[in-house]
Amino acid sequence: MKKKKQPQNQTLNFDLVEKWLENFFLDPLTSYFDQTQFQIDLYETEKQWIVEAILSEFEASEIKVFIEEKKLTISALQYPPTADQNKKMRSIEFPFLVTTQEVSAAFSNGILEIFISKTEKGSGKNRFITLP
């Protein structure tokens, strides 16, 4: 079986990424957080990683996306907040520095998509990702 050819400027270890994906999807906490917070799915294309979050009860202005080194955090809180309402939050720890990659996001029809480029470089700084 042939291994996937990686872009020249991508220095990820393919086996490490496969193991990370396996661990993410087999972790019992992933299913628990899908039910108690909000559902997250991960997709990979040739040029990017895509994180998809189902946030149908929220507006774009109520969602925050923050990247910090290897971690991506999505949080959501409806406005105006009520006493019995909890902030919904999920974090994903990647096997590479997310901050060094170009990251963008889109929100439409209750679905948040976060695009992490495999080829385009980012600022290298912890930052919030603006939703259009």
N, C-alpha and C. Protein backbone atom coordinates (compact mmCIF):
# COMPACT_ATOMS: atom_id res chain seq x y z
N MET A 1 0.83 -1.18 0.00
CA MET A 1 0.00 0.00 0.00
C MET A 1 0.87 1.24 0.00
N LYS A 2 0.57 2.18 -0.87
CA LYS A 2 1.34 3.40 -0.99
C LYS A 2 0.90 4.44 0.01
N LYS A 3 1.84 5.13 0.61
CA LYS A 3 1.51 6.22 1.52
C LYS A 3 1.16 7.45 0.70
N LYS A 4 0.30 8.30 1.30
CA LYS A 4 -0.07 9.54 0.64
C LYS A 4 1.15 10.45 0.53
N LYS A 5 1.28 11.07 -0.63
CA LYS A 5 2.36 12.03 -0.80
C LYS A 5 1.96 13.33 -0.12
N GLN A 6 2.84 13.85 0.73
CA GLN A 6 2.54 15.07 1.47
C GLN A 6 3.10 16.27 0.71
N PRO A 7 2.41 17.44 0.80
CA PRO A 7 2.97 18.64 0.22
C PRO A 7 4.35 18.91 0.80
N GLN A 8 5.21 19.54 0.03
CA GLN A 8 6.59 19.74 0.46
C GLN A 8 6.73 20.52 1.75
N ASN A 9 5.87 21.55 1.96
CA ASN A 9 6.03 22.35 3.17
C ASN A 9 5.26 21.79 4.36
N GLN A 10 4.67 20.63 4.21
CA GLN A 10 3.97 19.98 5.32
C GLN A 10 4.91 18.97 5.96
N THR A 11 5.15 19.15 7.26
CA THR A 11 6.11 18.29 7.94
C THR A 11 5.42 17.34 8.92
N LEU A 12 4.14 17.08 8.72
CA LEU A 12 3.42 16.19 9.62
C LEU A 12 3.77 14.74 9.36
N ASN A 13 3.84 13.99 10.41
CA ASN A 13 4.05 12.56 10.32
C ASN A 13 2.68 11.91 10.08
N PHE A 14 2.51 11.28 8.92
CA PHE A 14 1.22 10.70 8.54
C PHE A 14 0.74 9.68 9.56
N ASP A 15 1.61 8.83 10.06
CA ASP A 15 1.23 7.82 11.05
C ASP A 15 0.76 8.46 12.35
N LEU A 16 1.42 9.54 12.76
CA LEU A 16 1.03 10.26 13.97
C LEU A 16 -0.37 10.85 13.82
N VAL A 17 -0.66 11.41 12.66
CA VAL A 17 -1.98 12.00 12.41
C VAL A 17 -3.05 10.91 12.39
N GLU A 18 -2.77 9.79 11.77
CA GLU A 18 -3.73 8.67 11.75
C GLU A 18 -4.04 8.20 13.17
N LYS A 19 -3.03 8.07 13.99
CA LYS A 19 -3.21 7.64 15.38
C LYS A 19 -4.02 8.67 16.16
N TRP A 20 -3.75 9.96 15.93
CA TRP A 20 -4.48 11.03 16.59
C TRP A 20 -5.96 10.98 16.21
N LEU A 21 -6.27 10.81 14.92
CA LEU A 21 -7.66 10.72 14.47
C LEU A 21 -8.36 9.51 15.10
N GLU A 22 -7.68 8.39 15.13
CA GLU A 22 -8.24 7.18 15.72
C GLU A 22 -8.57 7.41 17.19
N ASN A 23 -7.64 8.00 17.92
CA ASN A 23 -7.85 8.28 19.34
C ASN A 23 -9.01 9.25 19.55
N PHE A 24 -9.09 10.27 18.70
CA PHE A 24 -10.16 11.26 18.84
C PHE A 24 -11.53 10.61 18.69
N PHE A 25 -11.70 9.81 17.65
CA PHE A 25 -13.01 9.23 17.38
C PHE A 25 -13.35 8.05 18.30
N LEU A 26 -12.36 7.38 18.87
CA LEU A 26 -12.63 6.27 19.77
C LEU A 26 -12.73 6.69 21.24
N ASP A 27 -12.34 7.93 21.54
CA ASP A 27 -12.40 8.42 22.91
C ASP A 27 -13.86 8.53 23.35
N PRO A 28 -14.24 7.88 24.45
CA PRO A 28 -15.63 7.95 24.92
C PRO A 28 -16.09 9.38 25.22
N LEU A 29 -15.16 10.26 25.60
CA LEU A 29 -15.53 11.64 25.88
C LEU A 29 -16.00 12.37 24.63
N THR A 30 -15.51 11.97 23.46
CA THR A 30 -15.95 12.59 22.22
C THR A 30 -17.45 12.40 22.05
N SER A 31 -17.94 11.20 22.22
CA SER A 31 -19.38 10.92 22.11
C SER A 31 -20.16 11.64 23.21
N TYR A 32 -19.62 11.65 24.40
CA TYR A 32 -20.29 12.33 25.52
C TYR A 32 -20.45 13.81 25.23
N PHE A 33 -19.36 14.46 24.79
CA PHE A 33 -19.43 15.90 24.49
C PHE A 33 -20.29 16.18 23.27
N ASP A 34 -20.35 15.25 22.31
CA ASP A 34 -21.25 15.40 21.17
C ASP A 34 -22.70 15.51 21.65
N GLN A 35 -23.04 14.78 22.71
CA GLN A 35 -24.41 14.78 23.22
C GLN A 35 -24.68 15.90 24.20
N THR A 36 -23.71 16.26 25.04
CA THR A 36 -23.96 17.24 26.10
C THR A 36 -23.58 18.67 25.71
N GLN A 37 -22.67 18.85 24.78
CA GLN A 37 -22.27 20.19 24.37
C GLN A 37 -22.79 20.46 22.96
N PHE A 38 -22.05 20.03 21.96
CA PHE A 38 -22.49 20.08 20.57
C PHE A 38 -21.61 19.12 19.78
N GLN A 39 -22.15 18.67 18.66
CA GLN A 39 -21.46 17.67 17.84
C GLN A 39 -20.34 18.30 17.02
N ILE A 40 -19.22 17.60 16.95
CA ILE A 40 -18.07 18.01 16.14
C ILE A 40 -17.68 16.85 15.23
N ASP A 41 -17.37 17.18 13.99
CA ASP A 41 -16.83 16.21 13.05
C ASP A 41 -15.54 16.77 12.46
N LEU A 42 -14.63 15.88 12.12
CA LEU A 42 -13.35 16.27 11.50
C LEU A 42 -13.26 15.66 10.11
N TYR A 43 -12.82 16.47 9.17
CA TYR A 43 -12.63 16.00 7.80
C TYR A 43 -11.24 16.42 7.33
N GLU A 44 -10.71 15.65 6.42
CA GLU A 44 -9.41 15.97 5.85
C GLU A 44 -9.53 15.96 4.33
N THR A 45 -9.00 17.02 3.71
CA THR A 45 -8.87 17.05 2.26
C THR A 45 -7.39 17.14 1.95
N GLU A 46 -7.06 17.21 0.69
CA GLU A 46 -5.66 17.29 0.31
C GLU A 46 -5.00 18.57 0.82
N LYS A 47 -5.77 19.66 0.90
CA LYS A 47 -5.19 20.95 1.26
C LYS A 47 -5.56 21.49 2.62
N GLN A 48 -6.51 20.84 3.31
CA GLN A 48 -6.91 21.40 4.60
C GLN A 48 -7.59 20.38 5.50
N TRP A 49 -7.63 20.75 6.79
CA TRP A 49 -8.43 20.06 7.78
C TRP A 49 -9.70 20.88 7.92
N ILE A 50 -10.84 20.21 8.08
CA ILE A 50 -12.10 20.92 8.28
C ILE A 50 -12.72 20.41 9.57
N VAL A 51 -13.01 21.34 10.47
CA VAL A 51 -13.71 21.03 11.71
C VAL A 51 -15.13 21.56 11.53
N GLU A 52 -16.10 20.68 11.70
CA GLU A 52 -17.50 21.07 11.53
C GLU A 52 -18.21 20.90 12.86
N ALA A 53 -18.88 21.97 13.31
CA ALA A 53 -19.62 21.94 14.57
C ALA A 53 -21.08 22.29 14.31
N ILE A 54 -21.98 21.50 14.89
CA ILE A 54 -23.42 21.73 14.74
C ILE A 54 -23.86 22.65 15.89
N LEU A 55 -24.17 23.90 15.55
CA LEU A 55 -24.56 24.90 16.55
C LEU A 55 -25.86 25.58 16.12
N SER A 56 -26.88 24.77 15.86
CA SER A 56 -28.11 25.28 15.27
C SER A 56 -28.89 26.24 16.18
N GLU A 57 -28.69 26.20 17.49
CA GLU A 57 -29.44 27.10 18.36
C GLU A 57 -28.73 28.44 18.60
N PHE A 58 -27.63 28.67 17.89
CA PHE A 58 -26.85 29.89 18.09
C PHE A 58 -26.78 30.74 16.82
N GLU A 59 -26.54 32.03 17.04
CA GLU A 59 -26.26 32.97 15.95
C GLU A 59 -24.74 33.11 15.84
N ALA A 60 -24.27 33.57 14.69
CA ALA A 60 -22.82 33.74 14.48
C ALA A 60 -22.20 34.65 15.54
N SER A 61 -22.93 35.69 15.95
CA SER A 61 -22.40 36.64 16.94
C SER A 61 -22.25 36.02 18.34
N GLU A 62 -22.84 34.86 18.58
CA GLU A 62 -22.78 34.20 19.88
C GLU A 62 -21.69 33.13 19.95
N ILE A 63 -20.93 32.97 18.87
CA ILE A 63 -19.92 31.92 18.76
C ILE A 63 -18.53 32.52 18.72
N LYS A 64 -17.62 31.92 19.46
CA LYS A 64 -16.21 32.35 19.44
C LYS A 64 -15.34 31.15 19.08
N VAL A 65 -14.33 31.41 18.24
CA VAL A 65 -13.36 30.39 17.85
C VAL A 65 -11.99 30.94 18.21
N PHE A 66 -11.24 30.18 19.01
CA PHE A 66 -9.92 30.62 19.47
C PHE A 66 -8.91 29.52 19.21
N ILE A 67 -7.76 29.89 18.66
CA ILE A 67 -6.68 28.93 18.50
C ILE A 67 -5.52 29.34 19.39
N GLU A 68 -4.96 28.34 20.06
CA GLU A 68 -3.86 28.55 20.99
C GLU A 68 -2.90 27.38 20.85
N GLU A 69 -1.77 27.66 20.23
CA GLU A 69 -0.75 26.65 19.95
C GLU A 69 -1.35 25.46 19.21
N LYS A 70 -1.52 24.30 19.87
CA LYS A 70 -2.06 23.10 19.21
C LYS A 70 -3.56 22.93 19.43
N LYS A 71 -4.19 23.87 20.12
CA LYS A 71 -5.58 23.70 20.53
C LYS A 71 -6.52 24.65 19.80
N LEU A 72 -7.67 24.11 19.40
CA LEU A 72 -8.76 24.88 18.82
C LEU A 72 -9.92 24.80 19.80
N THR A 73 -10.46 25.97 20.20
CA THR A 73 -11.57 26.00 21.14
C THR A 73 -12.74 26.73 20.51
N ILE A 74 -13.90 26.09 20.57
CA ILE A 74 -15.15 26.68 20.09
C ILE A 74 -16.04 26.87 21.31
N SER A 75 -16.54 28.09 21.51
CA SER A 75 -17.47 28.33 22.62
C SER A 75 -18.68 29.08 22.09
N ALA A 76 -19.82 28.85 22.74
CA ALA A 76 -21.06 29.49 22.32
C ALA A 76 -21.92 29.79 23.54
N LEU A 77 -22.52 30.97 23.55
CA LEU A 77 -23.39 31.39 24.64
C LEU A 77 -24.47 32.27 24.05
N GLN A 78 -25.74 31.88 24.25
CA GLN A 78 -26.84 32.65 23.69
C GLN A 78 -26.98 33.98 24.42
N TYR A 79 -27.40 35.00 23.66
CA TYR A 79 -27.59 36.33 24.23
C TYR A 79 -29.07 36.67 24.18
N PRO A 80 -29.64 37.25 25.20
CA PRO A 80 -29.03 37.52 26.50
C PRO A 80 -28.94 36.23 27.32
N PRO A 81 -27.85 36.10 28.09
CA PRO A 81 -27.69 34.89 28.90
C PRO A 81 -28.75 34.83 30.00
N THR A 82 -29.15 33.62 30.35
CA THR A 82 -30.10 33.42 31.44
C THR A 82 -29.41 32.66 32.56
N ALA A 83 -30.03 32.67 33.73
CA ALA A 83 -29.41 32.06 34.91
C ALA A 83 -29.21 30.55 34.75
N ASP A 84 -30.11 29.88 34.04
CA ASP A 84 -30.01 28.42 33.92
C ASP A 84 -29.25 27.97 32.66
N GLN A 85 -28.72 28.93 31.93
CA GLN A 85 -28.03 28.60 30.68
C GLN A 85 -26.53 28.41 30.92
N ASN A 86 -25.99 27.36 30.35
CA ASN A 86 -24.56 27.10 30.45
C ASN A 86 -23.88 27.44 29.14
N LYS A 87 -22.65 27.88 29.25
CA LYS A 87 -21.84 28.10 28.06
C LYS A 87 -21.48 26.74 27.47
N LYS A 88 -21.62 26.60 26.18
CA LYS A 88 -21.25 25.35 25.50
C LYS A 88 -19.83 25.54 24.94
N MET A 89 -18.99 24.53 25.17
CA MET A 89 -17.59 24.66 24.75
C MET A 89 -17.01 23.30 24.40
N ARG A 90 -16.20 23.30 23.34
CA ARG A 90 -15.45 22.10 22.94
C ARG A 90 -14.05 22.54 22.55
N SER A 91 -13.08 21.70 22.87
CA SER A 91 -11.70 21.94 22.46
C SER A 91 -11.16 20.69 21.76
N ILE A 92 -10.32 20.92 20.78
CA ILE A 92 -9.65 19.83 20.07
C ILE A 92 -8.16 20.11 20.11
N GLU A 93 -7.41 19.13 20.56
CA GLU A 93 -5.95 19.22 20.60
C GLU A 93 -5.41 18.52 19.35
N PHE A 94 -4.74 19.28 18.49
CA PHE A 94 -4.18 18.74 17.25
C PHE A 94 -2.75 18.25 17.47
N PRO A 95 -2.23 17.38 16.60
CA PRO A 95 -0.85 16.90 16.74
C PRO A 95 0.15 17.83 16.06
N PHE A 96 -0.24 19.07 15.83
CA PHE A 96 0.62 20.07 15.20
C PHE A 96 0.19 21.45 15.69
N LEU A 97 1.05 22.45 15.48
CA LEU A 97 0.73 23.81 15.89
C LEU A 97 -0.31 24.40 14.94
N VAL A 98 -1.50 24.61 15.44
CA VAL A 98 -2.57 25.20 14.62
C VAL A 98 -2.26 26.67 14.34
N THR A 99 -1.60 27.33 15.28
CA THR A 99 -1.33 28.77 15.13
C THR A 99 -0.40 29.07 13.96
N THR A 100 0.38 28.11 13.53
CA THR A 100 1.30 28.35 12.41
C THR A 100 0.63 28.11 11.05
N GLN A 101 -0.65 27.73 11.06
CA GLN A 101 -1.38 27.47 9.82
C GLN A 101 -2.41 28.57 9.59
N GLU A 102 -2.76 28.80 8.34
CA GLU A 102 -3.83 29.73 8.00
C GLU A 102 -5.15 29.09 8.44
N VAL A 103 -5.95 29.84 9.20
CA VAL A 103 -7.22 29.32 9.71
C VAL A 103 -8.32 30.33 9.39
N SER A 104 -9.43 29.81 8.86
CA SER A 104 -10.59 30.65 8.58
C SER A 104 -11.84 29.90 9.01
N ALA A 105 -12.97 30.61 9.06
CA ALA A 105 -14.21 29.98 9.51
C ALA A 105 -15.39 30.55 8.75
N ALA A 106 -16.46 29.76 8.69
CA ALA A 106 -17.72 30.19 8.09
C ALA A 106 -18.85 29.59 8.92
N PHE A 107 -19.96 30.32 9.01
CA PHE A 107 -21.13 29.84 9.76
C PHE A 107 -22.37 30.06 8.91
N SER A 108 -23.08 28.96 8.64
CA SER A 108 -24.27 29.05 7.80
C SER A 108 -25.23 27.92 8.17
N ASN A 109 -26.52 28.26 8.27
CA ASN A 109 -27.56 27.27 8.56
C ASN A 109 -27.26 26.42 9.80
N GLY A 110 -26.70 27.04 10.83
CA GLY A 110 -26.43 26.34 12.08
C GLY A 110 -25.18 25.48 12.08
N ILE A 111 -24.39 25.55 11.01
CA ILE A 111 -23.17 24.74 10.93
C ILE A 111 -21.95 25.65 10.86
N LEU A 112 -21.06 25.47 11.81
CA LEU A 112 -19.79 26.19 11.84
C LEU A 112 -18.74 25.32 11.17
N GLU A 113 -18.04 25.88 10.19
CA GLU A 113 -16.94 25.17 9.54
C GLU A 113 -15.66 25.97 9.77
N ILE A 114 -14.65 25.27 10.25
CA ILE A 114 -13.34 25.89 10.48
C ILE A 114 -12.36 25.19 9.55
N PHE A 115 -11.66 25.99 8.76
CA PHE A 115 -10.74 25.47 7.75
C PHE A 115 -9.31 25.73 8.20
N ILE A 116 -8.53 24.68 8.37
CA ILE A 116 -7.13 24.78 8.77
C ILE A 116 -6.29 24.33 7.57
N SER A 117 -5.58 25.26 6.99
CA SER A 117 -4.81 24.97 5.79
C SER A 117 -3.60 24.09 6.11
N LYS A 118 -3.32 23.17 5.22
CA LYS A 118 -2.12 22.34 5.34
C LYS A 118 -0.94 23.00 4.64
N THR A 119 -1.20 23.94 3.74
CA THR A 119 -0.13 24.52 2.93
C THR A 119 0.12 25.99 3.20
N GLU A 120 -0.92 26.75 3.58
CA GLU A 120 -0.76 28.19 3.83
C GLU A 120 -0.39 28.43 5.28
N LYS A 121 0.59 29.28 5.48
CA LYS A 121 1.08 29.55 6.83
C LYS A 121 0.31 30.68 7.49
N GLY A 122 0.16 30.59 8.82
CA GLY A 122 -0.51 31.60 9.62
C GLY A 122 0.51 32.45 10.36
N SER A 123 0.02 33.28 11.26
CA SER A 123 0.87 34.23 11.98
C SER A 123 1.74 33.59 13.06
N GLY A 124 1.35 32.40 13.53
CA GLY A 124 2.10 31.77 14.60
C GLY A 124 1.68 32.26 15.98
N LYS A 125 0.64 33.10 16.03
CA LYS A 125 0.19 33.68 17.30
C LYS A 125 -1.17 33.10 17.70
N ASN A 126 -1.38 33.03 19.01
CA ASN A 126 -2.70 32.67 19.53
C ASN A 126 -3.66 33.76 19.07
N ARG A 127 -4.87 33.36 18.63
CA ARG A 127 -5.78 34.38 18.11
C ARG A 127 -7.21 33.87 18.02
N PHE A 128 -8.14 34.84 17.99
CA PHE A 128 -9.54 34.54 17.71
C PHE A 128 -9.69 34.50 16.20
N ILE A 129 -10.55 33.63 15.72
CA ILE A 129 -10.86 33.53 14.29
C ILE A 129 -12.20 34.21 14.09
N THR A 130 -12.24 35.21 13.24
CA THR A 130 -13.45 35.99 13.00
C THR A 130 -14.41 35.24 12.10
N LEU A 131 -15.68 35.23 12.50
CA LEU A 131 -16.72 34.65 11.66
C LEU A 131 -17.28 35.75 10.77
N PRO A 132 -17.43 35.48 9.48
CA PRO A 132 -17.97 36.52 8.59
C PRO A 132 -19.43 36.82 8.89
